[in-house]
Amino acid sequence: QIAPEADVASLQPEVRFRDQLDFDSVDFMNFALALQEALHVEIPEIDFVELGTLNGCIRYLSLRGVSESFPPA
């Protein structure tokens, strides 16, 4: 896990992960790579900046066909 102490239910959608979760650059890289693996989607490193907030992740991934309800129940 990247931030095991994080209370993901309390994440603010427009506040950067680095500010809410105390991510450093290595944590953020691991987060982006974990998203790719978990969602089976290719995310070019140049696009990682789009993943800085919860809403940013949702916007970016939905434009690439990943559903907000992934994984299915």
Protein backbone atom coordinates (compact mmCIF):
# COMPACT_ATOMS: atom_id res chain seq x y z
CA GLN A 1 0.00 0.00 0.00
CA ILE A 2 1.14 3.49 -0.77
CA ALA A 3 -0.47 5.37 2.13
CA PRO A 4 -1.81 2.68 4.49
CA GLU A 5 -2.62 5.22 7.21
CA ALA A 6 -4.80 7.29 4.86
CA ASP A 7 -8.50 7.66 5.51
CA VAL A 8 -9.63 7.50 1.89
CA ALA A 9 -13.23 8.24 2.87
CA SER A 10 -12.14 11.72 3.96
CA LEU A 11 -10.27 12.65 0.76
CA GLN A 12 -11.25 16.04 -0.61
CA PRO A 13 -11.81 15.68 -4.38
CA GLU A 14 -9.98 18.84 -5.49
CA VAL A 15 -7.12 18.88 -2.96
CA ARG A 16 -3.85 17.41 -4.24
CA PHE A 17 -2.94 13.98 -2.93
CA ARG A 18 0.51 15.23 -1.93
CA ASP A 19 -1.15 17.71 0.45
CA GLN A 20 -3.70 15.27 1.88
CA LEU A 21 -1.59 12.13 2.02
CA ASP A 22 1.87 13.62 2.42
CA PHE A 23 2.99 12.01 -0.86
CA ASP A 24 6.52 12.56 -2.04
CA SER A 25 7.54 12.03 -5.67
CA VAL A 26 8.28 8.33 -5.13
CA ASP A 27 4.89 7.77 -3.44
CA PHE A 28 3.14 9.51 -6.32
CA MET A 29 5.01 7.44 -8.93
CA ASN A 30 4.05 4.27 -7.06
CA PHE A 31 0.44 5.47 -6.93
CA ALA A 32 0.33 6.09 -10.69
CA LEU A 33 1.91 2.71 -11.43
CA ALA A 34 -0.53 0.99 -9.06
CA LEU A 35 -3.46 2.64 -10.89
CA GLN A 36 -2.16 1.31 -14.19
CA GLU A 37 -1.81 -2.19 -12.81
CA ALA A 38 -5.13 -2.27 -10.95
CA LEU A 39 -7.16 -0.78 -13.80
CA HIS A 40 -5.27 -2.39 -16.70
CA VAL A 41 -4.77 0.97 -18.38
CA GLU A 42 -1.66 2.57 -19.87
CA ILE A 43 -0.91 6.02 -18.43
CA PRO A 44 2.00 7.82 -20.07
CA GLU A 45 4.32 9.46 -17.55
CA ILE A 46 3.63 12.85 -19.14
CA ASP A 47 -0.02 12.45 -18.05
CA PHE A 48 0.77 11.73 -14.38
CA VAL A 49 0.17 15.42 -13.60
CA GLU A 50 -3.52 14.82 -14.41
CA LEU A 51 -3.70 12.32 -11.53
CA GLY A 52 -2.87 14.80 -8.77
CA THR A 53 -6.35 14.91 -7.23
CA LEU A 54 -9.23 12.48 -6.83
CA ASN A 55 -11.34 14.40 -9.35
CA GLY A 56 -8.35 14.60 -11.69
CA CYS A 57 -8.02 10.82 -11.58
CA ILE A 58 -11.72 10.35 -12.24
CA ARG A 59 -11.69 12.79 -15.18
CA TYR A 60 -8.55 11.32 -16.72
CA LEU A 61 -9.60 7.71 -16.34
CA SER A 62 -13.19 8.26 -17.49
CA LEU A 63 -11.90 9.87 -20.69
CA ARG A 64 -10.00 6.63 -21.27
CA GLY A 65 -13.06 4.45 -20.75
CA VAL A 66 -12.47 3.40 -17.15
CA SER A 67 -15.73 3.43 -15.21
CA GLU A 68 -16.06 5.18 -11.84
CA SER A 69 -17.59 1.96 -10.53
CA PHE A 70 -14.51 -0.11 -11.41
CA PRO A 71 -13.98 -2.74 -10.21
CA PRO A 72 -17.44 -4.19 -10.65
CA ALA A 73 -19.19 -5.42 -7.51
